[in-house]
Amino acid sequence: MIRVYIADAMPEERSALRLMLLDLKMEIAGEAEDWSTTFVEVPVCSTDLLVTDWKLLPNAPKAILVQLRRACPKALAIILIGGFEARQQAALSAGADGFISRGDLPERVAEQLSAVAAKIRT
């Protein structure tokens, strides 16, 4: 089973993601509302997939994602963004494995999560 860690400052969004991930038959490895907690817990939780809000990443997202990959090399990262194309490109060029726009319909979010999860070798 794919283990997912959710990092988002908004409890309602974490809850919605949690329900969707459980519907997709994924296990919740943990949750955090800030990046410092996420960075400490993700490697310990044997995380396969990290779903994090772009706003939680510190000022240098590329460097932060490189640090995360060193700490947890097998984990893939999906970045939640506000929906602007420039942010989508920035998330991907920062080293994210995918992105989800907050404006996407739930079906589209599920497709994106499933597509990235399919890259994980369990």
PDB file of N, CA and C in Angstrom:
ATOM      1  N   MET A   1       0.848  -1.185   0.000  1.00  0.00           N
ATOM      2  CA  MET A   1       0.000   0.000   0.000  1.00  0.00           C
ATOM      3  C   MET A   1       0.891   1.244   0.000  1.00  0.00           C
ATOM      4  N   ILE A   2       0.500   2.227  -0.759  1.00  0.00           N
ATOM      5  CA  ILE A   2       1.256   3.474  -0.868  1.00  0.00           C
ATOM      6  C   ILE A   2       0.988   4.328   0.367  1.00  0.00           C
ATOM      7  N   ARG A   3       2.099   4.785   0.980  1.00  0.00           N
ATOM      8  CA  ARG A   3       2.011   5.613   2.183  1.00  0.00           C
ATOM      9  C   ARG A   3       2.186   7.081   1.801  1.00  0.00           C
ATOM     10  N   VAL A   4       1.193   7.908   2.186  1.00  0.00           N
ATOM     11  CA  VAL A   4       1.168   9.316   1.799  1.00  0.00           C
ATOM     12  C   VAL A   4       1.234  10.202   3.039  1.00  0.00           C
ATOM     13  N   TYR A   5       2.051  11.243   2.940  1.00  0.00           N
ATOM     14  CA  TYR A   5       2.133  12.257   3.990  1.00  0.00           C
ATOM     15  C   TYR A   5       1.522  13.538   3.433  1.00  0.00           C
ATOM     16  N   ILE A   6       0.640  14.167   4.217  1.00  0.00           N
ATOM     17  CA  ILE A   6      -0.065  15.382   3.788  1.00  0.00           C
ATOM     18  C   ILE A   6       0.458  16.575   4.598  1.00  0.00           C
ATOM     19  N   ALA A   7       0.899  17.618   3.898  1.00  0.00           N
ATOM     20  CA  ALA A   7       1.358  18.841   4.559  1.00  0.00           C
ATOM     21  C   ALA A   7       0.572  20.023   4.006  1.00  0.00           C
ATOM     22  N   ASP A   8      -0.288  20.572   4.838  1.00  0.00           N
ATOM     23  CA  ASP A   8      -1.107  21.714   4.444  1.00  0.00           C
ATOM     24  C   ASP A   8      -1.524  22.440   5.711  1.00  0.00           C
ATOM     25  N   ALA A   9      -1.458  23.757   5.688  1.00  0.00           N
ATOM     26  CA  ALA A   9      -1.787  24.549   6.872  1.00  0.00           C
ATOM     27  C   ALA A   9      -3.277  24.531   7.199  1.00  0.00           C
ATOM     28  N   MET A  10      -4.110  24.199   6.219  1.00  0.00           N
ATOM     29  CA  MET A  10      -5.557  24.258   6.427  1.00  0.00           C
ATOM     30  C   MET A  10      -6.113  22.871   6.772  1.00  0.00           C
ATOM     31  N   PRO A  11      -6.674  22.713   7.970  1.00  0.00           N
ATOM     32  CA  PRO A  11      -7.201  21.410   8.392  1.00  0.00           C
ATOM     33  C   PRO A  11      -8.280  20.865   7.457  1.00  0.00           C
ATOM     34  N   GLU A  12      -9.117  21.754   6.890  1.00  0.00           N
ATOM     35  CA  GLU A  12     -10.185  21.293   5.992  1.00  0.00           C
ATOM     36  C   GLU A  12      -9.601  20.662   4.729  1.00  0.00           C
ATOM     37  N   GLU A  13      -8.531  21.243   4.234  1.00  0.00           N
ATOM     38  CA  GLU A  13      -7.910  20.696   3.024  1.00  0.00           C
ATOM     39  C   GLU A  13      -7.208  19.380   3.322  1.00  0.00           C
ATOM     40  N   ARG A  14      -6.550  19.289   4.472  1.00  0.00           N
ATOM     41  CA  ARG A  14      -5.928  18.013   4.857  1.00  0.00           C
ATOM     42  C   ARG A  14      -6.998  16.938   4.975  1.00  0.00           C
ATOM     43  N   SER A  15      -8.119  17.289   5.559  1.00  0.00           N
ATOM     44  CA  SER A  15      -9.211  16.331   5.733  1.00  0.00           C
ATOM     45  C   SER A  15      -9.750  15.858   4.387  1.00  0.00           C
ATOM     46  N   ALA A  16      -9.964  16.783   3.456  1.00  0.00           N
ATOM     47  CA  ALA A  16     -10.468  16.418   2.131  1.00  0.00           C
ATOM     48  C   ALA A  16      -9.465  15.524   1.404  1.00  0.00           C
ATOM     49  N   LEU A  17      -8.189  15.873   1.478  1.00  0.00           N
ATOM     50  CA  LEU A  17      -7.158  15.040   0.852  1.00  0.00           C
ATOM     51  C   LEU A  17      -7.102  13.660   1.498  1.00  0.00           C
ATOM     52  N   ARG A  18      -7.184  13.633   2.817  1.00  0.00           N
ATOM     53  CA  ARG A  18      -7.155  12.351   3.532  1.00  0.00           C
ATOM     54  C   ARG A  18      -8.268  11.429   3.039  1.00  0.00           C
ATOM     55  N   LEU A  19      -9.488  11.953   2.954  1.00  0.00           N
ATOM     56  CA  LEU A  19     -10.621  11.146   2.489  1.00  0.00           C
ATOM     57  C   LEU A  19     -10.416  10.657   1.055  1.00  0.00           C
ATOM     58  N   MET A  20      -9.912  11.539   0.185  1.00  0.00           N
ATOM     59  CA  MET A  20      -9.679  11.148  -1.196  1.00  0.00           C
ATOM     60  C   MET A  20      -8.604  10.068  -1.277  1.00  0.00           C
ATOM     61  N   LEU A  21      -7.525  10.235  -0.541  1.00  0.00           N
ATOM     62  CA  LEU A  21      -6.442   9.250  -0.556  1.00  0.00           C
ATOM     63  C   LEU A  21      -6.912   7.901  -0.022  1.00  0.00           C
ATOM     64  N   LEU A  22      -7.722   7.920   1.014  1.00  0.00           N
ATOM     65  CA  LEU A  22      -8.261   6.665   1.542  1.00  0.00           C
ATOM     66  C   LEU A  22      -9.174   5.999   0.513  1.00  0.00           C
ATOM     67  N   ASP A  23      -9.965   6.796  -0.208  1.00  0.00           N
ATOM     68  CA  ASP A  23     -10.802   6.256  -1.283  1.00  0.00           C
ATOM     69  C   ASP A  23      -9.962   5.623  -2.389  1.00  0.00           C
ATOM     70  N   LEU A  24      -8.754   6.161  -2.594  1.00  0.00           N
ATOM     71  CA  LEU A  24      -7.845   5.627  -3.606  1.00  0.00           C
ATOM     72  C   LEU A  24      -7.025   4.450  -3.064  1.00  0.00           C
ATOM     73  N   LYS A  25      -7.375   3.991  -1.882  1.00  0.00           N
ATOM     74  CA  LYS A  25      -6.719   2.840  -1.242  1.00  0.00           C
ATOM     75  C   LYS A  25      -5.258   3.115  -0.898  1.00  0.00           C
ATOM     76  N   MET A  26      -4.985   4.352  -0.469  1.00  0.00           N
ATOM     77  CA  MET A  26      -3.656   4.717  -0.011  1.00  0.00           C
ATOM     78  C   MET A  26      -3.702   4.897   1.497  1.00  0.00           C
ATOM     79  N   GLU A  27      -2.570   4.690   2.127  1.00  0.00           N
ATOM     80  CA  GLU A  27      -2.467   4.804   3.578  1.00  0.00           C
ATOM     81  C   GLU A  27      -1.920   6.186   3.944  1.00  0.00           C
ATOM     82  N   ILE A  28      -2.450   6.786   4.990  1.00  0.00           N
ATOM     83  CA  ILE A  28      -1.961   8.080   5.457  1.00  0.00           C
ATOM     84  C   ILE A  28      -0.812   7.823   6.431  1.00  0.00           C
ATOM     85  N   ALA A  29       0.392   8.245   6.042  1.00  0.00           N
ATOM     86  CA  ALA A  29       1.583   8.044   6.868  1.00  0.00           C
ATOM     87  C   ALA A  29       1.677   9.097   7.960  1.00  0.00           C
ATOM     88  N   GLY A  30       1.104  10.277   7.715  1.00  0.00           N
ATOM     89  CA  GLY A  30       1.140  11.361   8.683  1.00  0.00           C
ATOM     90  C   GLY A  30       0.633  12.641   8.062  1.00  0.00           C
ATOM     91  N   GLU A  31       0.523  13.662   8.918  1.00  0.00           N
ATOM     92  CA  GLU A  31       0.035  14.974   8.485  1.00  0.00           C
ATOM     93  C   GLU A  31       0.743  16.059   9.276  1.00  0.00           C
ATOM     94  N   ALA A  32       0.895  17.227   8.652  1.00  0.00           N
ATOM     95  CA  ALA A  32       1.468  18.381   9.349  1.00  0.00           C
ATOM     96  C   ALA A  32       0.872  19.653   8.780  1.00  0.00           C
ATOM     97  N   GLU A  33       0.950  20.706   9.581  1.00  0.00           N
ATOM     98  CA  GLU A  33       0.454  22.007   9.136  1.00  0.00           C
ATOM     99  C   GLU A  33       1.590  22.974   8.831  1.00  0.00           C
ATOM    100  N   ASP A  34       2.849  22.507   8.942  1.00  0.00           N
ATOM    101  CA  ASP A  34       3.993  23.372   8.666  1.00  0.00           C
ATOM    102  C   ASP A  34       5.136  22.548   8.076  1.00  0.00           C
ATOM    103  N   TRP A  35       6.091  23.244   7.443  1.00  0.00           N
ATOM    104  CA  TRP A  35       7.178  22.548   6.760  1.00  0.00           C
ATOM    105  C   TRP A  35       8.176  21.929   7.725  1.00  0.00           C
ATOM    106  N   SER A  36       8.485  22.594   8.836  1.00  0.00           N
ATOM    107  CA  SER A  36       9.489  22.051   9.751  1.00  0.00           C
ATOM    108  C   SER A  36       9.056  20.690  10.294  1.00  0.00           C
ATOM    109  N   THR A  37       7.795  20.535  10.644  1.00  0.00           N
ATOM    110  CA  THR A  37       7.287  19.240  11.103  1.00  0.00           C
ATOM    111  C   THR A  37       7.329  18.228   9.969  1.00  0.00           C
ATOM    112  N   THR A  38       6.919  18.642   8.799  1.00  0.00           N
ATOM    113  CA  THR A  38       6.915  17.755   7.633  1.00  0.00           C
ATOM    114  C   THR A  38       8.316  17.217   7.373  1.00  0.00           C
ATOM    115  N   PHE A  39       9.301  18.091   7.339  1.00  0.00           N
ATOM    116  CA  PHE A  39      10.664  17.690   7.012  1.00  0.00           C
ATOM    117  C   PHE A  39      11.229  16.696   8.024  1.00  0.00           C
ATOM    118  N   VAL A  40      10.823  16.827   9.271  1.00  0.00           N
ATOM    119  CA  VAL A  40      11.285  15.897  10.307  1.00  0.00           C
ATOM    120  C   VAL A  40      10.555  14.560  10.208  1.00  0.00           C
ATOM    121  N   GLU A  41       9.257  14.585   9.952  1.00  0.00           N
ATOM    122  CA  GLU A  41       8.452  13.369  10.012  1.00  0.00           C
ATOM    123  C   GLU A  41       8.460  12.526   8.732  1.00  0.00           C
ATOM    124  N   VAL A  42       8.581  13.137   7.564  1.00  0.00           N
ATOM    125  CA  VAL A  42       8.480  12.378   6.311  1.00  0.00           C
ATOM    126  C   VAL A  42       9.477  11.219   6.248  1.00  0.00           C
ATOM    127  N   PRO A  43      10.765  11.425   6.516  1.00  0.00           N
ATOM    128  CA  PRO A  43      11.692  10.288   6.440  1.00  0.00           C
ATOM    129  C   PRO A  43      11.404   9.190   7.470  1.00  0.00           C
ATOM    130  N   VAL A  44      10.913   9.553   8.629  1.00  0.00           N
ATOM    131  CA  VAL A  44      10.630   8.594   9.697  1.00  0.00           C
ATOM    132  C   VAL A  44       9.384   7.764   9.392  1.00  0.00           C
ATOM    133  N   CYS A  45       8.479   8.321   8.624  1.00  0.00           N
ATOM    134  CA  CYS A  45       7.189   7.673   8.345  1.00  0.00           C
ATOM    135  C   CYS A  45       7.226   6.694   7.170  1.00  0.00           C
ATOM    136  N   SER A  46       8.389   6.459   6.593  1.00  0.00           N
ATOM    137  CA  SER A  46       8.483   5.597   5.402  1.00  0.00           C
ATOM    138  C   SER A  46       7.497   6.056   4.325  1.00  0.00           C
ATOM    139  N   THR A  47       7.535   7.326   4.037  1.00  0.00           N
ATOM    140  CA  THR A  47       6.616   7.952   3.095  1.00  0.00           C
ATOM    141  C   THR A  47       6.967   7.614   1.655  1.00  0.00           C
ATOM    142  N   ASP A  48       5.963   7.240   0.875  1.00  0.00           N
ATOM    143  CA  ASP A  48       6.147   7.019  -0.554  1.00  0.00           C
ATOM    144  C   ASP A  48       5.816   8.273  -1.347  1.00  0.00           C
ATOM    145  N   LEU A  49       4.849   9.040  -0.843  1.00  0.00           N
ATOM    146  CA  LEU A  49       4.340  10.199  -1.563  1.00  0.00           C
ATOM    147  C   LEU A  49       4.066  11.331  -0.581  1.00  0.00           C
ATOM    148  N   LEU A  50       4.600  12.507  -0.890  1.00  0.00           N
ATOM    149  CA  LEU A  50       4.357  13.697  -0.090  1.00  0.00           C
ATOM    150  C   LEU A  50       3.467  14.625  -0.899  1.00  0.00           C
ATOM    151  N   VAL A  51       2.361  15.048  -0.297  1.00  0.00           N
ATOM    152  CA  VAL A  51       1.480  16.049  -0.903  1.00  0.00           C
ATOM    153  C   VAL A  51       1.591  17.279  -0.015  1.00  0.00           C
ATOM    154  N   THR A  52       2.166  18.363  -0.565  1.00  0.00           N
ATOM    155  CA  THR A  52       2.399  19.558   0.241  1.00  0.00           C
ATOM    156  C   THR A  52       1.944  20.826  -0.470  1.00  0.00           C
ATOM    157  N   ASP A  53       1.516  21.767   0.326  1.00  0.00           N
ATOM    158  CA  ASP A  53       1.104  23.076  -0.169  1.00  0.00           C
ATOM    159  C   ASP A  53       2.344  23.879  -0.548  1.00  0.00           C
ATOM    160  N   TRP A  54       2.323  24.482  -1.727  1.00  0.00           N
ATOM    161  CA  TRP A  54       3.429  25.325  -2.208  1.00  0.00           C
ATOM    162  C   TRP A  54       3.765  26.400  -1.186  1.00  0.00           C
ATOM    163  N   LYS A  55       2.742  26.945  -0.533  1.00  0.00           N
ATOM    164  CA  LYS A  55       2.953  28.031   0.431  1.00  0.00           C
ATOM    165  C   LYS A  55       3.723  27.580   1.668  1.00  0.00           C
ATOM    166  N   LEU A  56       3.755  26.289   1.944  1.00  0.00           N
ATOM    167  CA  LEU A  56       4.504  25.801   3.101  1.00  0.00           C
ATOM    168  C   LEU A  56       5.997  25.713   2.833  1.00  0.00           C
ATOM    169  N   LEU A  57       6.371  25.596   1.554  1.00  0.00           N
ATOM    170  CA  LEU A  57       7.783  25.471   1.233  1.00  0.00           C
ATOM    171  C   LEU A  57       8.490  26.789   1.520  1.00  0.00           C
ATOM    172  N   PRO A  58       9.642  26.714   2.179  1.00  0.00           N
ATOM    173  CA  PRO A  58      10.410  27.941   2.420  1.00  0.00           C
ATOM    174  C   PRO A  58      10.827  28.606   1.111  1.00  0.00           C
ATOM    175  N   ASN A  59      11.484  29.738   1.212  1.00  0.00           N
ATOM    176  CA  ASN A  59      11.798  30.591   0.053  1.00  0.00           C
ATOM    177  C   ASN A  59      12.520  29.905  -1.099  1.00  0.00           C
ATOM    178  N   ALA A  60      13.283  28.883  -0.842  1.00  0.00           N
ATOM    179  CA  ALA A  60      14.051  28.211  -1.901  1.00  0.00           C
ATOM    180  C   ALA A  60      13.501  26.801  -2.100  1.00  0.00           C
ATOM    181  N   PRO A  61      12.352  26.667  -2.789  1.00  0.00           N
ATOM    182  CA  PRO A  61      11.717  25.354  -2.883  1.00  0.00           C
ATOM    183  C   PRO A  61      12.583  24.287  -3.540  1.00  0.00           C
ATOM    184  N   LYS A  62      13.381  24.662  -4.526  1.00  0.00           N
ATOM    185  CA  LYS A  62      14.224  23.658  -5.175  1.00  0.00           C
ATOM    186  C   LYS A  62      15.216  23.066  -4.176  1.00  0.00           C
ATOM    187  N   ALA A  63      15.880  23.908  -3.416  1.00  0.00           N
ATOM    188  CA  ALA A  63      16.842  23.431  -2.414  1.00  0.00           C
ATOM    189  C   ALA A  63      16.149  22.585  -1.351  1.00  0.00           C
ATOM    190  N   ILE A  64      14.960  22.987  -0.966  1.00  0.00           N
ATOM    191  CA  ILE A  64      14.211  22.247   0.051  1.00  0.00           C
ATOM    192  C   ILE A  64      13.834  20.867  -0.471  1.00  0.00           C
ATOM    193  N   LEU A  65      13.378  20.782  -1.715  1.00  0.00           N
ATOM    194  CA  LEU A  65      13.024  19.481  -2.276  1.00  0.00           C
ATOM    195  C   LEU A  65      14.254  18.599  -2.472  1.00  0.00           C
ATOM    196  N   VAL A  66      15.407  19.200  -2.776  1.00  0.00           N
ATOM    197  CA  VAL A  66      16.659  18.429  -2.864  1.00  0.00           C
ATOM    198  C   VAL A  66      16.994  17.854  -1.490  1.00  0.00           C
ATOM    199  N   GLN A  67      16.868  18.658  -0.438  1.00  0.00           N
ATOM    200  CA  GLN A  67      17.108  18.170   0.927  1.00  0.00           C
ATOM    201  C   GLN A  67      16.151  17.034   1.274  1.00  0.00           C
ATOM    202  N   LEU A  68      14.901  17.190   0.902  1.00  0.00           N
ATOM    203  CA  LEU A  68      13.911  16.155   1.176  1.00  0.00           C
ATOM    204  C   LEU A  68      14.294  14.859   0.461  1.00  0.00           C
ATOM    205  N   ARG A  69      14.718  14.959  -0.775  1.00  0.00           N
ATOM    206  CA  ARG A  69      15.095  13.758  -1.543  1.00  0.00           C
ATOM    207  C   ARG A  69      16.324  13.071  -0.944  1.00  0.00           C
ATOM    208  N   ARG A  70      17.226  13.843  -0.372  1.00  0.00           N
ATOM    209  CA  ARG A  70      18.385  13.241   0.300  1.00  0.00           C
ATOM    210  C   ARG A  70      17.933  12.473   1.540  1.00  0.00           C
ATOM    211  N   ALA A  71      16.997  13.064   2.269  1.00  0.00           N
ATOM    212  CA  ALA A  71      16.509  12.437   3.501  1.00  0.00           C
ATOM    213  C   ALA A  71      15.585  11.260   3.214  1.00  0.00           C
ATOM    214  N   CYS A  72      14.868  11.323   2.123  1.00  0.00           N
ATOM    215  CA  CYS A  72      13.869  10.309   1.796  1.00  0.00           C
ATOM    216  C   CYS A  72      13.884  10.093   0.274  1.00  0.00           C
ATOM    217  N   PRO A  73      14.923   9.411  -0.249  1.00  0.00           N
ATOM    218  CA  PRO A  73      15.138   9.347  -1.692  1.00  0.00           C
ATOM    219  C   PRO A  73      14.034   8.690  -2.512  1.00  0.00           C
ATOM    220  N   LYS A  74      13.254   7.828  -1.921  1.00  0.00           N
ATOM    221  CA  LYS A  74      12.220   7.132  -2.687  1.00  0.00           C
ATOM    222  C   LYS A  74      10.892   7.894  -2.744  1.00  0.00           C
ATOM    223  N   ALA A  75      10.733   8.903  -1.900  1.00  0.00           N
ATOM    224  CA  ALA A  75       9.464   9.624  -1.840  1.00  0.00           C
ATOM    225  C   ALA A  75       9.289  10.536  -3.055  1.00  0.00           C
ATOM    226  N   LEU A  76       8.099  10.518  -3.619  1.00  0.00           N
ATOM    227  CA  LEU A  76       7.729  11.439  -4.683  1.00  0.00           C
ATOM    228  C   LEU A  76       6.974  12.607  -4.059  1.00  0.00           C
ATOM    229  N   ALA A  77       7.004  13.759  -4.721  1.00  0.00           N
ATOM    230  CA  ALA A  77       6.369  14.956  -4.167  1.00  0.00           C
ATOM    231  C   ALA A  77       5.369  15.549  -5.144  1.00  0.00           C
ATOM    232  N   ILE A  78       4.179  15.817  -4.631  1.00  0.00           N
ATOM    233  CA  ILE A  78       3.149  16.540  -5.373  1.00  0.00           C
ATOM    234  C   ILE A  78       2.933  17.863  -4.648  1.00  0.00           C
ATOM    235  N   ILE A  79       2.929  18.938  -5.411  1.00  0.00           N
ATOM    236  CA  ILE A  79       2.768  20.266  -4.840  1.00  0.00           C
ATOM    237  C   ILE A  79       1.357  20.779  -5.118  1.00  0.00           C
ATOM    238  N   LEU A  80       0.695  21.260  -4.073  1.00  0.00           N
ATOM    239  CA  LEU A  80      -0.615  21.906  -4.206  1.00  0.00           C
ATOM    240  C   LEU A  80      -0.381  23.376  -4.510  1.00  0.00           C
ATOM    241  N   ILE A  81      -0.979  23.861  -5.587  1.00  0.00           N
ATOM    242  CA  ILE A  81      -0.771  25.250  -5.987  1.00  0.00           C
ATOM    243  C   ILE A  81      -2.103  25.953  -6.187  1.00  0.00           C
ATOM    244  N   GLY A  82      -2.016  27.269  -6.285  1.00  0.00           N
ATOM    245  CA  GLY A  82      -3.214  28.076  -6.431  1.00  0.00           C
ATOM    246  C   GLY A  82      -3.841  28.052  -7.808  1.00  0.00           C
ATOM    247  N   GLY A  83      -3.185  27.496  -8.790  1.00  0.00           N
ATOM    248  CA  GLY A  83      -3.789  27.375 -10.103  1.00  0.00           C
ATOM    249  C   GLY A  83      -3.165  28.232 -11.187  1.00  0.00           C
ATOM    250  N   PHE A  84      -2.174  29.029 -10.877  1.00  0.00           N
ATOM    251  CA  PHE A  84      -1.551  29.868 -11.891  1.00  0.00           C
ATOM    252  C   PHE A  84      -0.478  29.073 -12.623  1.00  0.00           C
ATOM    253  N   GLU A  85      -0.439  29.221 -13.953  1.00  0.00           N
ATOM    254  CA  GLU A  85       0.511  28.465 -14.766  1.00  0.00           C
ATOM    255  C   GLU A  85       1.956  28.694 -14.341  1.00  0.00           C
ATOM    256  N   ALA A  86       2.308  29.904 -13.969  1.00  0.00           N
ATOM    257  CA  ALA A  86       3.685  30.181 -13.553  1.00  0.00           C
ATOM    258  C   ALA A  86       4.040  29.364 -12.309  1.00  0.00           C
ATOM    259  N   ARG A  87       3.104  29.241 -11.390  1.00  0.00           N
ATOM    260  CA  ARG A  87       3.358  28.438 -10.193  1.00  0.00           C
ATOM    261  C   ARG A  87       3.477  26.961 -10.543  1.00  0.00           C
ATOM    262  N   GLN A  88       2.685  26.502 -11.499  1.00  0.00           N
ATOM    263  CA  GLN A  88       2.780  25.106 -11.921  1.00  0.00           C
ATOM    264  C   GLN A  88       4.177  24.827 -12.458  1.00  0.00           C
ATOM    265  N   GLN A  89       4.648  25.704 -13.317  1.00  0.00           N
ATOM    266  CA  GLN A  89       5.988  25.536 -13.881  1.00  0.00           C
ATOM    267  C   GLN A  89       7.038  25.621 -12.789  1.00  0.00           C
ATOM    268  N   ALA A  90       6.874  26.547 -11.861  1.00  0.00           N
ATOM    269  CA  ALA A  90       7.833  26.687 -10.770  1.00  0.00           C
ATOM    270  C   ALA A  90       7.866  25.430  -9.908  1.00  0.00           C
ATOM    271  N   ALA A  91       6.704  24.838  -9.642  1.00  0.00           N
ATOM    272  CA  ALA A  91       6.648  23.623  -8.828  1.00  0.00           C
ATOM    273  C   ALA A  91       7.374  22.482  -9.521  1.00  0.00           C
ATOM    274  N   LEU A  92       7.160  22.322 -10.806  1.00  0.00           N
ATOM    275  CA  LEU A  92       7.821  21.245 -11.535  1.00  0.00           C
ATOM    276  C   LEU A  92       9.319  21.497 -11.666  1.00  0.00           C
ATOM    277  N   SER A  93       9.704  22.733 -11.950  1.00  0.00           N
ATOM    278  CA  SER A  93      11.128  23.015 -12.097  1.00  0.00           C
ATOM    279  C   SER A  93      11.844  22.992 -10.754  1.00  0.00           C
ATOM    280  N   ALA A  94      11.108  23.110  -9.660  1.00  0.00           N
ATOM    281  CA  ALA A  94      11.709  23.018  -8.333  1.00  0.00           C
ATOM    282  C   ALA A  94      11.972  21.570  -7.945  1.00  0.00           C
ATOM    283  N   GLY A  95      11.517  20.632  -8.761  1.00  0.00           N
ATOM    284  CA  GLY A  95      11.785  19.234  -8.482  1.00  0.00           C
ATOM    285  C   GLY A  95      10.589  18.426  -8.053  1.00  0.00           C
ATOM    286  N   ALA A  96       9.415  18.990  -8.160  1.00  0.00           N
ATOM    287  CA  ALA A  96       8.207  18.240  -7.809  1.00  0.00           C
ATOM    288  C   ALA A  96       7.939  17.183  -8.874  1.00  0.00           C
ATOM    289  N   ASP A  97       7.296  16.116  -8.479  1.00  0.00           N
ATOM    290  CA  ASP A  97       6.942  15.051  -9.406  1.00  0.00           C
ATOM    291  C   ASP A  97       5.585  15.303 -10.059  1.00  0.00           C
ATOM    292  N   GLY A  98       4.854  16.259  -9.535  1.00  0.00           N
ATOM    293  CA  GLY A  98       3.559  16.610 -10.082  1.00  0.00           C
ATOM    294  C   GLY A  98       2.981  17.769  -9.301  1.00  0.00           C
ATOM    295  N   PHE A  99       1.869  18.264  -9.763  1.00  0.00           N
ATOM    296  CA  PHE A  99       1.197  19.339  -9.055  1.00  0.00           C
ATOM    297  C   PHE A  99      -0.298  19.135  -9.144  1.00  0.00           C
ATOM    298  N   ILE A 100      -0.985  19.726  -8.183  1.00  0.00           N
ATOM    299  CA  ILE A 100      -2.440  19.717  -8.167  1.00  0.00           C
ATOM    300  C   ILE A 100      -2.888  21.155  -7.972  1.00  0.00           C
ATOM    301  N   SER A 101      -3.755  21.601  -8.831  1.00  0.00           N
ATOM    302  CA  SER A 101      -4.307  22.935  -8.702  1.00  0.00           C
ATOM    303  C   SER A 101      -5.500  22.887  -7.746  1.00  0.00           C
ATOM    304  N   ARG A 102      -5.539  23.813  -6.838  1.00  0.00           N
ATOM    305  CA  ARG A 102      -6.640  23.859  -5.872  1.00  0.00           C
ATOM    306  C   ARG A 102      -7.995  24.041  -6.562  1.00  0.00           C
ATOM    307  N   GLY A 103      -7.995  24.551  -7.765  1.00  0.00           N
ATOM    308  CA  GLY A 103      -9.240  24.762  -8.487  1.00  0.00           C
ATOM    309  C   GLY A 103      -9.721  23.549  -9.258  1.00  0.00           C
ATOM    310  N   ASP A 104      -8.938  22.486  -9.275  1.00  0.00           N
ATOM    311  CA  ASP A 104      -9.328  21.289 -10.015  1.00  0.00           C
ATOM    312  C   ASP A 104     -10.520  20.588  -9.365  1.00  0.00           C
ATOM    313  N   LEU A 105     -11.308  19.944 -10.197  1.00  0.00           N
ATOM    314  CA  LEU A 105     -12.412  19.121  -9.702  1.00  0.00           C
ATOM    315  C   LEU A 105     -11.849  17.907  -8.967  1.00  0.00           C
ATOM    316  N   PRO A 106     -12.584  17.355  -8.023  1.00  0.00           N
ATOM    317  CA  PRO A 106     -12.089  16.193  -7.272  1.00  0.00           C
ATOM    318  C   PRO A 106     -11.648  15.033  -8.169  1.00  0.00           C
ATOM    319  N   GLU A 107     -12.341  14.822  -9.277  1.00  0.00           N
ATOM    320  CA  GLU A 107     -11.969  13.736 -10.185  1.00  0.00           C
ATOM    321  C   GLU A 107     -10.581  13.975 -10.774  1.00  0.00           C
ATOM    322  N   ARG A 108     -10.300  15.221 -11.114  1.00  0.00           N
ATOM    323  CA  ARG A 108      -8.981  15.579 -11.675  1.00  0.00           C
ATOM    324  C   ARG A 108      -7.898  15.417 -10.616  1.00  0.00           C
ATOM    325  N   VAL A 109      -8.176  15.819  -9.379  1.00  0.00           N
ATOM    326  CA  VAL A 109      -7.216  15.649  -8.279  1.00  0.00           C
ATOM    327  C   VAL A 109      -6.917  14.164  -8.091  1.00  0.00           C
ATOM    328  N   ALA A 110      -7.949  13.343  -8.083  1.00  0.00           N
ATOM    329  CA  ALA A 110      -7.773  11.900  -7.931  1.00  0.00           C
ATOM    330  C   ALA A 110      -6.928  11.334  -9.066  1.00  0.00           C
ATOM    331  N   GLU A 111      -7.154  11.808 -10.292  1.00  0.00           N
ATOM    332  CA  GLU A 111      -6.358  11.355 -11.436  1.00  0.00           C
ATOM    333  C   GLU A 111      -4.888  11.702 -11.257  1.00  0.00           C
ATOM    334  N   GLN A 112      -4.618  12.940 -10.819  1.00  0.00           N
ATOM    335  CA  GLN A 112      -3.239  13.377 -10.613  1.00  0.00           C
ATOM    336  C   GLN A 112      -2.559  12.549  -9.518  1.00  0.00           C
ATOM    337  N   LEU A 113      -3.261  12.342  -8.414  1.00  0.00           N
ATOM    338  CA  LEU A 113      -2.701  11.538  -7.327  1.00  0.00           C
ATOM    339  C   LEU A 113      -2.405  10.116  -7.800  1.00  0.00           C
ATOM    340  N   SER A 114      -3.336   9.535  -8.527  1.00  0.00           N
ATOM    341  CA  SER A 114      -3.166   8.178  -9.034  1.00  0.00           C
ATOM    342  C   SER A 114      -2.014   8.092 -10.035  1.00  0.00           C
ATOM    343  N   ALA A 115      -1.880   9.097 -10.892  1.00  0.00           N
ATOM    344  CA  ALA A 115      -0.822   9.086 -11.898  1.00  0.00           C
ATOM    345  C   ALA A 115       0.559   9.119 -11.249  1.00  0.00           C
ATOM    346  N   VAL A 116       0.735   9.971 -10.254  1.00  0.00           N
ATOM    347  CA  VAL A 116       2.033  10.033  -9.577  1.00  0.00           C
ATOM    348  C   VAL A 116       2.245   8.766  -8.745  1.00  0.00           C
ATOM    349  N   ALA A 117       1.208   8.299  -8.073  1.00  0.00           N
ATOM    350  CA  ALA A 117       1.327   7.081  -7.270  1.00  0.00           C
ATOM    351  C   ALA A 117       1.706   5.881  -8.133  1.00  0.00           C
ATOM    352  N   ALA A 118       1.288   5.871  -9.387  1.00  0.00           N
ATOM    353  CA  ALA A 118       1.608   4.751 -10.281  1.00  0.00           C
ATOM    354  C   ALA A 118       3.114   4.666 -10.548  1.00  0.00           C
ATOM    355  N   LYS A 119       3.831   5.761 -10.326  1.00  0.00           N
ATOM    356  CA  LYS A 119       5.289   5.774 -10.522  1.00  0.00           C
ATOM    357  C   LYS A 119       6.041   5.136  -9.353  1.00  0.00           C
ATOM    358  N   ILE A 120       5.336   4.906  -8.252  1.00  0.00           N
ATOM    359  CA  ILE A 120       5.968   4.367  -7.048  1.00  0.00           C
ATOM    360  C   ILE A 120       6.055   2.862  -7.165  1.00  0.00           C
ATOM    361  N   ARG A 121       7.215   2.364  -6.876  1.00  0.00           N
ATOM    362  CA  ARG A 121       7.405   0.913  -6.881  1.00  0.00           C
ATOM    363  C   ARG A 121       7.268   0.407  -5.456  1.00  0.00           C
ATOM    364  N   THR A 122       6.256  -0.387  -5.240  1.00  0.00           N
ATOM    365  CA  THR A 122       6.028  -0.911  -3.893  1.00  0.00           C
ATOM    366  C   THR A 122       6.504  -2.338  -3.783  1.00  0.00           C
TER     367      THR A 122
END
